[in-house]
Amino acid sequence: MFAAILRLCGMAPRDAADYLGFTRREVIAWAKGEDTPPPEAYAKMYFLFDEQEAEATRILEDWELAGKPTVLEFTVPANDETAKAAGWPCQPAYMVAVAMAQATLGPVEIKLLYR
């Protein structure tokens, strides 16, 4: 189950270990089902997913405010360092929010500007 949560949130065990404050070995054991994550690990992952949904909603709101253009440009973190500076655990975790928005937008083209 925990492996699915990691994938859903765009997190590799290394990223999740940093984000959750546990060792990579512990996170891998949880993902393999060899050990049970503590409740606070689940809570933090669920919080991240909520943040991803909120960011996807912000992207959709920006699209609507822009008049629903067929091409939407916005800036995304270019790497893990810039993602962390923006409050995300890693760049792939932010990109999950973009994917959520794209799934709702359908044929709208999203152009990513990396910073």
PDB file of N, CA and C in Angstrom:
ATOM      1  N   MET A   1       0.818  -1.195   0.000  1.00  0.00           N
ATOM      2  CA  MET A   1       0.000   0.000   0.000  1.00  0.00           C
ATOM      3  C   MET A   1       0.868   1.267   0.000  1.00  0.00           C
ATOM      4  N   PHE A   2       1.924   1.259   0.828  1.00  0.00           N
ATOM      5  CA  PHE A   2       2.740   2.456   0.916  1.00  0.00           C
ATOM      6  C   PHE A   2       3.460   2.732  -0.402  1.00  0.00           C
ATOM      7  N   ALA A   3       3.828   1.680  -1.118  1.00  0.00           N
ATOM      8  CA  ALA A   3       4.479   1.862  -2.422  1.00  0.00           C
ATOM      9  C   ALA A   3       3.548   2.607  -3.380  1.00  0.00           C
ATOM     10  N   ALA A   4       2.277   2.280  -3.346  1.00  0.00           N
ATOM     11  CA  ALA A   4       1.298   2.955  -4.210  1.00  0.00           C
ATOM     12  C   ALA A   4       1.162   4.424  -3.826  1.00  0.00           C
ATOM     13  N   ILE A   5       1.176   4.712  -2.544  1.00  0.00           N
ATOM     14  CA  ILE A   5       1.090   6.103  -2.090  1.00  0.00           C
ATOM     15  C   ILE A   5       2.309   6.890  -2.569  1.00  0.00           C
ATOM     16  N   LEU A   6       3.485   6.270  -2.479  1.00  0.00           N
ATOM     17  CA  LEU A   6       4.696   6.946  -2.963  1.00  0.00           C
ATOM     18  C   LEU A   6       4.587   7.262  -4.448  1.00  0.00           C
ATOM     19  N   ARG A   7       4.168   6.273  -5.236  1.00  0.00           N
ATOM     20  CA  ARG A   7       4.031   6.491  -6.689  1.00  0.00           C
ATOM     21  C   ARG A   7       2.993   7.565  -6.987  1.00  0.00           C
ATOM     22  N   LEU A   8       1.873   7.518  -6.303  1.00  0.00           N
ATOM     23  CA  LEU A   8       0.805   8.493  -6.513  1.00  0.00           C
ATOM     24  C   LEU A   8       1.297   9.915  -6.259  1.00  0.00           C
ATOM     25  N   CYS A   9       2.164  10.065  -5.275  1.00  0.00           N
ATOM     26  CA  CYS A   9       2.677  11.386  -4.919  1.00  0.00           C
ATOM     27  C   CYS A   9       3.966  11.751  -5.654  1.00  0.00           C
ATOM     28  N   GLY A  10       4.450  10.858  -6.535  1.00  0.00           N
ATOM     29  CA  GLY A  10       5.642  11.155  -7.314  1.00  0.00           C
ATOM     30  C   GLY A  10       6.937  11.065  -6.526  1.00  0.00           C
ATOM     31  N   MET A  11       6.956  10.227  -5.505  1.00  0.00           N
ATOM     32  CA  MET A  11       8.113  10.171  -4.619  1.00  0.00           C
ATOM     33  C   MET A  11       8.882   8.865  -4.764  1.00  0.00           C
ATOM     34  N   ALA A  12      10.192   8.973  -4.937  1.00  0.00           N
ATOM     35  CA  ALA A  12      11.096   7.831  -4.851  1.00  0.00           C
ATOM     36  C   ALA A  12      11.410   7.622  -3.369  1.00  0.00           C
ATOM     37  N   PRO A  13      11.824   6.428  -2.979  1.00  0.00           N
ATOM     38  CA  PRO A  13      12.151   6.208  -1.567  1.00  0.00           C
ATOM     39  C   PRO A  13      13.147   7.222  -0.993  1.00  0.00           C
ATOM     40  N   ARG A  14      14.140   7.594  -1.789  1.00  0.00           N
ATOM     41  CA  ARG A  14      15.129   8.587  -1.331  1.00  0.00           C
ATOM     42  C   ARG A  14      14.458   9.913  -0.997  1.00  0.00           C
ATOM     43  N   ASP A  15      13.582  10.376  -1.903  1.00  0.00           N
ATOM     44  CA  ASP A  15      12.873  11.637  -1.686  1.00  0.00           C
ATOM     45  C   ASP A  15      11.937  11.539  -0.487  1.00  0.00           C
ATOM     46  N   ALA A  16      11.235  10.412  -0.394  1.00  0.00           N
ATOM     47  CA  ALA A  16      10.295  10.217   0.712  1.00  0.00           C
ATOM     48  C   ALA A  16      11.029  10.168   2.046  1.00  0.00           C
ATOM     49  N   ALA A  17      12.191   9.526   2.074  1.00  0.00           N
ATOM     50  CA  ALA A  17      12.959   9.461   3.317  1.00  0.00           C
ATOM     51  C   ALA A  17      13.329  10.863   3.794  1.00  0.00           C
ATOM     52  N   ASP A  18      13.812  11.700   2.876  1.00  0.00           N
ATOM     53  CA  ASP A  18      14.147  13.088   3.225  1.00  0.00           C
ATOM     54  C   ASP A  18      12.915  13.837   3.706  1.00  0.00           C
ATOM     55  N   TYR A  19      11.835  13.711   2.979  1.00  0.00           N
ATOM     56  CA  TYR A  19      10.594  14.428   3.282  1.00  0.00           C
ATOM     57  C   TYR A  19       9.992  13.987   4.617  1.00  0.00           C
ATOM     58  N   LEU A  20      10.019  12.691   4.862  1.00  0.00           N
ATOM     59  CA  LEU A  20       9.365  12.143   6.054  1.00  0.00           C
ATOM     60  C   LEU A  20      10.260  12.145   7.292  1.00  0.00           C
ATOM     61  N   GLY A  21      11.560  12.278   7.089  1.00  0.00           N
ATOM     62  CA  GLY A  21      12.476  12.274   8.219  1.00  0.00           C
ATOM     63  C   GLY A  21      12.823  10.881   8.717  1.00  0.00           C
ATOM     64  N   PHE A  22      12.791   9.917   7.810  1.00  0.00           N
ATOM     65  CA  PHE A  22      13.167   8.543   8.129  1.00  0.00           C
ATOM     66  C   PHE A  22      14.310   8.136   7.208  1.00  0.00           C
ATOM     67  N   THR A  23      14.876   6.970   7.446  1.00  0.00           N
ATOM     68  CA  THR A  23      15.959   6.514   6.583  1.00  0.00           C
ATOM     69  C   THR A  23      15.384   5.921   5.296  1.00  0.00           C
ATOM     70  N   ARG A  24      16.222   5.914   4.293  1.00  0.00           N
ATOM     71  CA  ARG A  24      15.818   5.315   3.013  1.00  0.00           C
ATOM     72  C   ARG A  24      15.507   3.834   3.222  1.00  0.00           C
ATOM     73  N   ARG A  25      16.275   3.176   4.037  1.00  0.00           N
ATOM     74  CA  ARG A  25      16.063   1.757   4.314  1.00  0.00           C
ATOM     75  C   ARG A  25      14.675   1.518   4.926  1.00  0.00           C
ATOM     76  N   GLU A  26      14.270   2.388   5.841  1.00  0.00           N
ATOM     77  CA  GLU A  26      12.938   2.246   6.449  1.00  0.00           C
ATOM     78  C   GLU A  26      11.843   2.423   5.399  1.00  0.00           C
ATOM     79  N   VAL A  27      11.987   3.440   4.566  1.00  0.00           N
ATOM     80  CA  VAL A  27      10.975   3.706   3.538  1.00  0.00           C
ATOM     81  C   VAL A  27      10.893   2.553   2.542  1.00  0.00           C
ATOM     82  N   ILE A  28      12.022   2.012   2.158  1.00  0.00           N
ATOM     83  CA  ILE A  28      12.026   0.873   1.239  1.00  0.00           C
ATOM     84  C   ILE A  28      11.329  -0.321   1.878  1.00  0.00           C
ATOM     85  N   ALA A  29      11.579  -0.558   3.153  1.00  0.00           N
ATOM     86  CA  ALA A  29      10.919  -1.670   3.854  1.00  0.00           C
ATOM     87  C   ALA A  29       9.410  -1.461   3.881  1.00  0.00           C
ATOM     88  N   TRP A  30       8.961  -0.242   4.086  1.00  0.00           N
ATOM     89  CA  TRP A  30       7.512   0.052   4.071  1.00  0.00           C
ATOM     90  C   TRP A  30       6.949  -0.214   2.685  1.00  0.00           C
ATOM     91  N   ALA A  31       7.674   0.260   1.660  1.00  0.00           N
ATOM     92  CA  ALA A  31       7.201   0.106   0.283  1.00  0.00           C
ATOM     93  C   ALA A  31       7.129  -1.361  -0.129  1.00  0.00           C
ATOM     94  N   LYS A  32       8.026  -2.184   0.396  1.00  0.00           N
ATOM     95  CA  LYS A  32       8.026  -3.615   0.079  1.00  0.00           C
ATOM     96  C   LYS A  32       7.039  -4.392   0.948  1.00  0.00           C
ATOM     97  N   GLY A  33       6.442  -3.728   1.913  1.00  0.00           N
ATOM     98  CA  GLY A  33       5.511  -4.409   2.810  1.00  0.00           C
ATOM     99  C   GLY A  33       6.213  -5.220   3.882  1.00  0.00           C
ATOM    100  N   GLU A  34       7.493  -4.984   4.076  1.00  0.00           N
ATOM    101  CA  GLU A  34       8.269  -5.716   5.077  1.00  0.00           C
ATOM    102  C   GLU A  34       8.102  -5.129   6.473  1.00  0.00           C
ATOM    103  N   ASP A  35       7.634  -3.902   6.555  1.00  0.00           N
ATOM    104  CA  ASP A  35       7.417  -3.220   7.829  1.00  0.00           C
ATOM    105  C   ASP A  35       6.256  -2.241   7.631  1.00  0.00           C
ATOM    106  N   THR A  36       5.684  -1.804   8.706  1.00  0.00           N
ATOM    107  CA  THR A  36       4.533  -0.893   8.653  1.00  0.00           C
ATOM    108  C   THR A  36       4.982   0.524   8.960  1.00  0.00           C
ATOM    109  N   PRO A  37       4.633   1.468   8.103  1.00  0.00           N
ATOM    110  CA  PRO A  37       4.988   2.863   8.376  1.00  0.00           C
ATOM    111  C   PRO A  37       4.233   3.372   9.605  1.00  0.00           C
ATOM    112  N   PRO A  38       4.825   4.289  10.340  1.00  0.00           N
ATOM    113  CA  PRO A  38       4.105   4.876  11.457  1.00  0.00           C
ATOM    114  C   PRO A  38       2.991   5.797  10.949  1.00  0.00           C
ATOM    115  N   PRO A  39       1.984   6.033  11.766  1.00  0.00           N
ATOM    116  CA  PRO A  39       0.861   6.885  11.338  1.00  0.00           C
ATOM    117  C   PRO A  39       1.298   8.260  10.842  1.00  0.00           C
ATOM    118  N   GLU A  40       2.352   8.830  11.435  1.00  0.00           N
ATOM    119  CA  GLU A  40       2.780  10.163  11.006  1.00  0.00           C
ATOM    120  C   GLU A  40       3.339  10.158   9.580  1.00  0.00           C
ATOM    121  N   ALA A  41       3.877   9.038   9.125  1.00  0.00           N
ATOM    122  CA  ALA A  41       4.352   8.950   7.740  1.00  0.00           C
ATOM    123  C   ALA A  41       3.163   8.987   6.779  1.00  0.00           C
ATOM    124  N   TYR A  42       2.121   8.222   7.107  1.00  0.00           N
ATOM    125  CA  TYR A  42       0.908   8.274   6.292  1.00  0.00           C
ATOM    126  C   TYR A  42       0.319   9.678   6.304  1.00  0.00           C
ATOM    127  N   ALA A  43       0.256  10.287   7.467  1.00  0.00           N
ATOM    128  CA  ALA A  43      -0.342  11.623   7.584  1.00  0.00           C
ATOM    129  C   ALA A  43       0.411  12.638   6.726  1.00  0.00           C
ATOM    130  N   LYS A  44       1.728  12.554   6.739  1.00  0.00           N
ATOM    131  CA  LYS A  44       2.510  13.508   5.953  1.00  0.00           C
ATOM    132  C   LYS A  44       2.332  13.272   4.453  1.00  0.00           C
ATOM    133  N   MET A  45       2.228  12.010   4.039  1.00  0.00           N
ATOM    134  CA  MET A  45       1.996  11.717   2.622  1.00  0.00           C
ATOM    135  C   MET A  45       0.607  12.188   2.194  1.00  0.00           C
ATOM    136  N   TYR A  46      -0.382  12.001   3.048  1.00  0.00           N
ATOM    137  CA  TYR A  46      -1.732  12.478   2.723  1.00  0.00           C
ATOM    138  C   TYR A  46      -1.759  14.002   2.650  1.00  0.00           C
ATOM    139  N   PHE A  47      -1.004  14.655   3.524  1.00  0.00           N
ATOM    140  CA  PHE A  47      -0.901  16.115   3.476  1.00  0.00           C
ATOM    141  C   PHE A  47      -0.299  16.547   2.138  1.00  0.00           C
ATOM    142  N   LEU A  48       0.765  15.853   1.705  1.00  0.00           N
ATOM    143  CA  LEU A  48       1.385  16.178   0.416  1.00  0.00           C
ATOM    144  C   LEU A  48       0.381  16.020  -0.716  1.00  0.00           C
ATOM    145  N   PHE A  49      -0.379  14.935  -0.703  1.00  0.00           N
ATOM    146  CA  PHE A  49      -1.373  14.727  -1.757  1.00  0.00           C
ATOM    147  C   PHE A  49      -2.401  15.856  -1.757  1.00  0.00           C
ATOM    148  N   ASP A  50      -2.825  16.286  -0.587  1.00  0.00           N
ATOM    149  CA  ASP A  50      -3.758  17.418  -0.497  1.00  0.00           C
ATOM    150  C   ASP A  50      -3.138  18.676  -1.094  1.00  0.00           C
ATOM    151  N   GLU A  51      -1.847  18.901  -0.826  1.00  0.00           N
ATOM    152  CA  GLU A  51      -1.155  20.055  -1.395  1.00  0.00           C
ATOM    153  C   GLU A  51      -1.066  19.951  -2.921  1.00  0.00           C
ATOM    154  N   GLN A  52      -0.847  18.759  -3.420  1.00  0.00           N
ATOM    155  CA  GLN A  52      -0.806  18.555  -4.870  1.00  0.00           C
ATOM    156  C   GLN A  52      -2.160  18.852  -5.493  1.00  0.00           C
ATOM    157  N   GLU A  53      -3.229  18.405  -4.862  1.00  0.00           N
ATOM    158  CA  GLU A  53      -4.571  18.707  -5.364  1.00  0.00           C
ATOM    159  C   GLU A  53      -4.842  20.210  -5.332  1.00  0.00           C
ATOM    160  N   ALA A  54      -4.402  20.868  -4.273  1.00  0.00           N
ATOM    161  CA  ALA A  54      -4.598  22.315  -4.167  1.00  0.00           C
ATOM    162  C   ALA A  54      -3.828  23.051  -5.262  1.00  0.00           C
ATOM    163  N   GLU A  55      -2.624  22.606  -5.561  1.00  0.00           N
ATOM    164  CA  GLU A  55      -1.834  23.233  -6.631  1.00  0.00           C
ATOM    165  C   GLU A  55      -2.485  22.997  -7.984  1.00  0.00           C
ATOM    166  N   ALA A  56      -3.005  21.807  -8.209  1.00  0.00           N
ATOM    167  CA  ALA A  56      -3.717  21.530  -9.460  1.00  0.00           C
ATOM    168  C   ALA A  56      -4.924  22.452  -9.593  1.00  0.00           C
ATOM    169  N   THR A  57      -5.617  22.675  -8.508  1.00  0.00           N
ATOM    170  CA  THR A  57      -6.769  23.586  -8.515  1.00  0.00           C
ATOM    171  C   THR A  57      -6.321  25.007  -8.846  1.00  0.00           C
ATOM    172  N   ARG A  58      -5.179  25.444  -8.273  1.00  0.00           N
ATOM    173  CA  ARG A  58      -4.656  26.783  -8.584  1.00  0.00           C
ATOM    174  C   ARG A  58      -4.318  26.898 -10.077  1.00  0.00           C
ATOM    175  N   ILE A  59      -3.745  25.855 -10.644  1.00  0.00           N
ATOM    176  CA  ILE A  59      -3.423  25.865 -12.081  1.00  0.00           C
ATOM    177  C   ILE A  59      -4.705  26.019 -12.894  1.00  0.00           C
ATOM    178  N   LEU A  60      -5.734  25.277 -12.538  1.00  0.00           N
ATOM    179  CA  LEU A  60      -7.017  25.354 -13.252  1.00  0.00           C
ATOM    180  C   LEU A  60      -7.656  26.731 -13.098  1.00  0.00           C
ATOM    181  N   GLU A  61      -7.566  27.306 -11.896  1.00  0.00           N
ATOM    182  CA  GLU A  61      -8.108  28.647 -11.676  1.00  0.00           C
ATOM    183  C   GLU A  61      -7.366  29.682 -12.510  1.00  0.00           C
ATOM    184  N   ASP A  62      -6.042  29.564 -12.583  1.00  0.00           N
ATOM    185  CA  ASP A  62      -5.256  30.480 -13.424  1.00  0.00           C
ATOM    186  C   ASP A  62      -5.660  30.358 -14.887  1.00  0.00           C
ATOM    187  N   TRP A  63      -5.908  29.143 -15.335  1.00  0.00           N
ATOM    188  CA  TRP A  63      -6.344  28.904 -16.716  1.00  0.00           C
ATOM    189  C   TRP A  63      -7.692  29.591 -16.966  1.00  0.00           C
ATOM    190  N   GLU A  64      -8.616  29.441 -16.035  1.00  0.00           N
ATOM    191  CA  GLU A  64      -9.927  30.079 -16.195  1.00  0.00           C
ATOM    192  C   GLU A  64      -9.801  31.597 -16.185  1.00  0.00           C
ATOM    193  N   LEU A  65      -8.982  32.134 -15.274  1.00  0.00           N
ATOM    194  CA  LEU A  65      -8.783  33.588 -15.198  1.00  0.00           C
ATOM    195  C   LEU A  65      -8.137  34.131 -16.472  1.00  0.00           C
ATOM    196  N   ALA A  66      -7.344  33.304 -17.141  1.00  0.00           N
ATOM    197  CA  ALA A  66      -6.694  33.714 -18.386  1.00  0.00           C
ATOM    198  C   ALA A  66      -7.636  33.600 -19.583  1.00  0.00           C
ATOM    199  N   GLY A  67      -8.894  33.205 -19.349  1.00  0.00           N
ATOM    200  CA  GLY A  67      -9.857  33.103 -20.441  1.00  0.00           C
ATOM    201  C   GLY A  67      -9.882  31.752 -21.116  1.00  0.00           C
ATOM    202  N   LYS A  68      -9.391  30.731 -20.438  1.00  0.00           N
ATOM    203  CA  LYS A  68      -9.369  29.355 -20.950  1.00  0.00           C
ATOM    204  C   LYS A  68      -8.648  29.233 -22.296  1.00  0.00           C
ATOM    205  N   PRO A  69      -7.380  29.680 -22.339  1.00  0.00           N
ATOM    206  CA  PRO A  69      -6.624  29.578 -23.600  1.00  0.00           C
ATOM    207  C   PRO A  69      -6.348  28.115 -23.961  1.00  0.00           C
ATOM    208  N   THR A  70      -6.048  27.889 -25.222  1.00  0.00           N
ATOM    209  CA  THR A  70      -5.732  26.522 -25.670  1.00  0.00           C
ATOM    210  C   THR A  70      -4.299  26.130 -25.337  1.00  0.00           C
ATOM    211  N   VAL A  71      -3.478  27.129 -24.980  1.00  0.00           N
ATOM    212  CA  VAL A  71      -2.100  26.874 -24.544  1.00  0.00           C
ATOM    213  C   VAL A  71      -1.915  27.586 -23.205  1.00  0.00           C
ATOM    214  N   LEU A  72      -1.418  26.867 -22.236  1.00  0.00           N
ATOM    215  CA  LEU A  72      -1.187  27.421 -20.907  1.00  0.00           C
ATOM    216  C   LEU A  72       0.292  27.297 -20.575  1.00  0.00           C
ATOM    217  N   GLU A  73       0.919  28.431 -20.310  1.00  0.00           N
ATOM    218  CA  GLU A  73       2.331  28.440 -19.937  1.00  0.00           C
ATOM    219  C   GLU A  73       2.455  28.775 -18.459  1.00  0.00           C
ATOM    220  N   PHE A  74       3.287  28.037 -17.771  1.00  0.00           N
ATOM    221  CA  PHE A  74       3.606  28.411 -16.398  1.00  0.00           C
ATOM    222  C   PHE A  74       4.946  27.834 -15.996  1.00  0.00           C
ATOM    223  N   THR A  75       5.480  28.403 -14.933  1.00  0.00           N
ATOM    224  CA  THR A  75       6.818  28.059 -14.470  1.00  0.00           C
ATOM    225  C   THR A  75       6.759  26.921 -13.467  1.00  0.00           C
ATOM    226  N   VAL A  76       7.673  25.982 -13.629  1.00  0.00           N
ATOM    227  CA  VAL A  76       7.785  24.847 -12.709  1.00  0.00           C
ATOM    228  C   VAL A  76       9.236  24.735 -12.242  1.00  0.00           C
ATOM    229  N   PRO A  77       9.449  24.080 -11.108  1.00  0.00           N
ATOM    230  CA  PRO A  77      10.830  23.898 -10.641  1.00  0.00           C
ATOM    231  C   PRO A  77      11.640  23.056 -11.627  1.00  0.00           C
ATOM    232  N   ALA A  78      12.852  23.496 -11.902  1.00  0.00           N
ATOM    233  CA  ALA A  78      13.710  22.794 -12.857  1.00  0.00           C
ATOM    234  C   ALA A  78      14.374  21.565 -12.258  1.00  0.00           C
ATOM    235  N   ASN A  79      14.469  21.518 -10.933  1.00  0.00           N
ATOM    236  CA  ASN A  79      15.155  20.405 -10.274  1.00  0.00           C
ATOM    237  C   ASN A  79      14.686  20.310  -8.824  1.00  0.00           C
ATOM    238  N   ASP A  80      15.224  19.350  -8.121  1.00  0.00           N
ATOM    239  CA  ASP A  80      14.816  19.148  -6.730  1.00  0.00           C
ATOM    240  C   ASP A  80      15.154  20.349  -5.844  1.00  0.00           C
ATOM    241  N   GLU A  81      16.272  20.980  -6.095  1.00  0.00           N
ATOM    242  CA  GLU A  81      16.680  22.116  -5.268  1.00  0.00           C
ATOM    243  C   GLU A  81      15.690  23.267  -5.380  1.00  0.00           C
ATOM    244  N   THR A  82      15.289  23.608  -6.602  1.00  0.00           N
ATOM    245  CA  THR A  82      14.330  24.704  -6.752  1.00  0.00           C
ATOM    246  C   THR A  82      12.944  24.291  -6.256  1.00  0.00           C
ATOM    247  N   ALA A  83      12.615  23.019  -6.371  1.00  0.00           N
ATOM    248  CA  ALA A  83      11.334  22.542  -5.828  1.00  0.00           C
ATOM    249  C   ALA A  83      11.326  22.673  -4.312  1.00  0.00           C
ATOM    250  N   LYS A  84      12.415  22.284  -3.681  1.00  0.00           N
ATOM    251  CA  LYS A  84      12.499  22.391  -2.221  1.00  0.00           C
ATOM    252  C   LYS A  84      12.443  23.848  -1.777  1.00  0.00           C
ATOM    253  N   ALA A  85      13.088  24.727  -2.529  1.00  0.00           N
ATOM    254  CA  ALA A  85      13.048  26.155  -2.201  1.00  0.00           C
ATOM    255  C   ALA A  85      11.628  26.705  -2.302  1.00  0.00           C
ATOM    256  N   ALA A  86      10.809  26.081  -3.143  1.00  0.00           N
ATOM    257  CA  ALA A  86       9.416  26.502  -3.304  1.00  0.00           C
ATOM    258  C   ALA A  86       8.471  25.761  -2.347  1.00  0.00           C
ATOM    259  N   GLY A  87       9.042  24.904  -1.481  1.00  0.00           N
ATOM    260  CA  GLY A  87       8.224  24.219  -0.497  1.00  0.00           C
ATOM    261  C   GLY A  87       7.768  22.819  -0.862  1.00  0.00           C
ATOM    262  N   TRP A  88       8.302  22.268  -1.955  1.00  0.00           N
ATOM    263  CA  TRP A  88       7.955  20.921  -2.383  1.00  0.00           C
ATOM    264  C   TRP A  88       9.075  19.968  -1.992  1.00  0.00           C
ATOM    265  N   PRO A  89       8.772  18.700  -1.716  1.00  0.00           N
ATOM    266  CA  PRO A  89       9.837  17.769  -1.321  1.00  0.00           C
ATOM    267  C   PRO A  89      10.799  17.418  -2.450  1.00  0.00           C
ATOM    268  N   CYS A  90      10.320  17.474  -3.692  1.00  0.00           N
ATOM    269  CA  CYS A  90      11.167  17.180  -4.854  1.00  0.00           C
ATOM    270  C   CYS A  90      10.413  17.635  -6.105  1.00  0.00           C
ATOM    271  N   GLN A  91      11.125  17.726  -7.215  1.00  0.00           N
ATOM    272  CA  GLN A  91      10.515  18.179  -8.461  1.00  0.00           C
ATOM    273  C   GLN A  91       9.410  17.243  -8.956  1.00  0.00           C
ATOM    274  N   PRO A  92       9.596  15.910  -8.912  1.00  0.00           N
ATOM    275  CA  PRO A  92       8.508  15.032  -9.365  1.00  0.00           C
ATOM    276  C   PRO A  92       7.219  15.189  -8.546  1.00  0.00           C
ATOM    277  N   ALA A  93       7.350  15.500  -7.258  1.00  0.00           N
ATOM    278  CA  ALA A  93       6.151  15.691  -6.432  1.00  0.00           C
ATOM    279  C   ALA A  93       5.353  16.894  -6.934  1.00  0.00           C
ATOM    280  N   TYR A  94       6.045  17.943  -7.366  1.00  0.00           N
ATOM    281  CA  TYR A  94       5.333  19.090  -7.932  1.00  0.00           C
ATOM    282  C   TYR A  94       4.684  18.721  -9.269  1.00  0.00           C
ATOM    283  N   MET A  95       5.393  17.949 -10.070  1.00  0.00           N
ATOM    284  CA  MET A  95       4.879  17.604 -11.396  1.00  0.00           C
ATOM    285  C   MET A  95       3.605  16.763 -11.318  1.00  0.00           C
ATOM    286  N   VAL A  96       3.374  16.085 -10.199  1.00  0.00           N
ATOM    287  CA  VAL A  96       2.106  15.367 -10.012  1.00  0.00           C
ATOM    288  C   VAL A  96       0.947  16.353 -10.075  1.00  0.00           C
ATOM    289  N   ALA A  97       1.112  17.514  -9.475  1.00  0.00           N
ATOM    290  CA  ALA A  97       0.058  18.536  -9.519  1.00  0.00           C
ATOM    291  C   ALA A  97      -0.206  18.977 -10.960  1.00  0.00           C
ATOM    292  N   VAL A  98       0.845  19.129 -11.737  1.00  0.00           N
ATOM    293  CA  VAL A  98       0.700  19.498 -13.145  1.00  0.00           C
ATOM    294  C   VAL A  98      -0.067  18.404 -13.892  1.00  0.00           C
ATOM    295  N   ALA A  99       0.271  17.164 -13.618  1.00  0.00           N
ATOM    296  CA  ALA A  99      -0.423  16.040 -14.272  1.00  0.00           C
ATOM    297  C   ALA A  99      -1.894  16.011 -13.882  1.00  0.00           C
ATOM    298  N   MET A 100      -2.197  16.297 -12.626  1.00  0.00           N
ATOM    299  CA  MET A 100      -3.594  16.348 -12.188  1.00  0.00           C
ATOM    300  C   MET A 100      -4.358  17.427 -12.970  1.00  0.00           C
ATOM    301  N   ALA A 101      -3.746  18.589 -13.105  1.00  0.00           N
ATOM    302  CA  ALA A 101      -4.389  19.671 -13.844  1.00  0.00           C
ATOM    303  C   ALA A 101      -4.560  19.295 -15.309  1.00  0.00           C
ATOM    304  N   GLN A 102      -3.531  18.716 -15.901  1.00  0.00           N
ATOM    305  CA  GLN A 102      -3.596  18.330 -17.317  1.00  0.00           C
ATOM    306  C   GLN A 102      -4.715  17.331 -17.552  1.00  0.00           C
ATOM    307  N   ALA A 103      -4.929  16.422 -16.616  1.00  0.00           N
ATOM    308  CA  ALA A 103      -6.004  15.433 -16.761  1.00  0.00           C
ATOM    309  C   ALA A 103      -7.367  16.112 -16.825  1.00  0.00           C
ATOM    310  N   THR A 104      -7.525  17.213 -16.124  1.00  0.00           N
ATOM    311  CA  THR A 104      -8.786  17.945 -16.134  1.00  0.00           C
ATOM    312  C   THR A 104      -8.896  18.845 -17.360  1.00  0.00           C
ATOM    313  N   LEU A 105      -7.783  19.429 -17.760  1.00  0.00           N
ATOM    314  CA  LEU A 105      -7.797  20.364 -18.888  1.00  0.00           C
ATOM    315  C   LEU A 105      -8.022  19.677 -20.226  1.00  0.00           C
ATOM    316  N   GLY A 106      -7.666  18.421 -20.326  1.00  0.00           N
ATOM    317  CA  GLY A 106      -7.862  17.699 -21.573  1.00  0.00           C
ATOM    318  C   GLY A 106      -6.955  18.197 -22.674  1.00  0.00           C
ATOM    319  N   PRO A 107      -7.527  18.703 -23.783  1.00  0.00           N
ATOM    320  CA  PRO A 107      -6.714  19.036 -24.956  1.00  0.00           C
ATOM    321  C   PRO A 107      -5.907  20.332 -24.838  1.00  0.00           C
ATOM    322  N   VAL A 108      -5.958  20.996 -23.702  1.00  0.00           N
ATOM    323  CA  VAL A 108      -5.173  22.222 -23.538  1.00  0.00           C
ATOM    324  C   VAL A 108      -3.700  21.852 -23.456  1.00  0.00           C
ATOM    325  N   GLU A 109      -2.880  22.558 -24.230  1.00  0.00           N
ATOM    326  CA  GLU A 109      -1.446  22.312 -24.212  1.00  0.00           C
ATOM    327  C   GLU A 109      -0.811  23.069 -23.059  1.00  0.00           C
ATOM    328  N   ILE A 110      -0.041  22.355 -22.260  1.00  0.00           N
ATOM    329  CA  ILE A 110       0.679  23.000 -21.159  1.00  0.00           C
ATOM    330  C   ILE A 110       2.142  23.120 -21.556  1.00  0.00           C
ATOM    331  N   LYS A 111       2.661  24.349 -21.558  1.00  0.00           N
ATOM    332  CA  LYS A 111       4.069  24.592 -21.838  1.00  0.00           C
ATOM    333  C   LYS A 111       4.739  24.921 -20.499  1.00  0.00           C
ATOM    334  N   LEU A 112       5.733  24.121 -20.181  1.00  0.00           N
ATOM    335  CA  LEU A 112       6.419  24.297 -18.912  1.00  0.00           C
ATOM    336  C   LEU A 112       7.658  25.162 -19.099  1.00  0.00           C
ATOM    337  N   LEU A 113       7.793  26.145 -18.241  1.00  0.00           N
ATOM    338  CA  LEU A 113       8.966  27.013 -18.221  1.00  0.00           C
ATOM    339  C   LEU A 113       9.720  26.661 -16.952  1.00  0.00           C
ATOM    340  N   TYR A 114      10.892  26.061 -17.098  1.00  0.00           N
ATOM    341  CA  TYR A 114      11.651  25.611 -15.945  1.00  0.00           C
ATOM    342  C   TYR A 114      12.465  26.746 -15.367  1.00  0.00           C
ATOM    343  N   ARG A 115      12.417  26.882 -14.056  1.00  0.00           N
ATOM    344  CA  ARG A 115      13.223  27.908 -13.373  1.00  0.00           C
ATOM    345  C   ARG A 115      14.175  27.259 -12.414  1.00  0.00           C
TER     346      ARG A 115
END
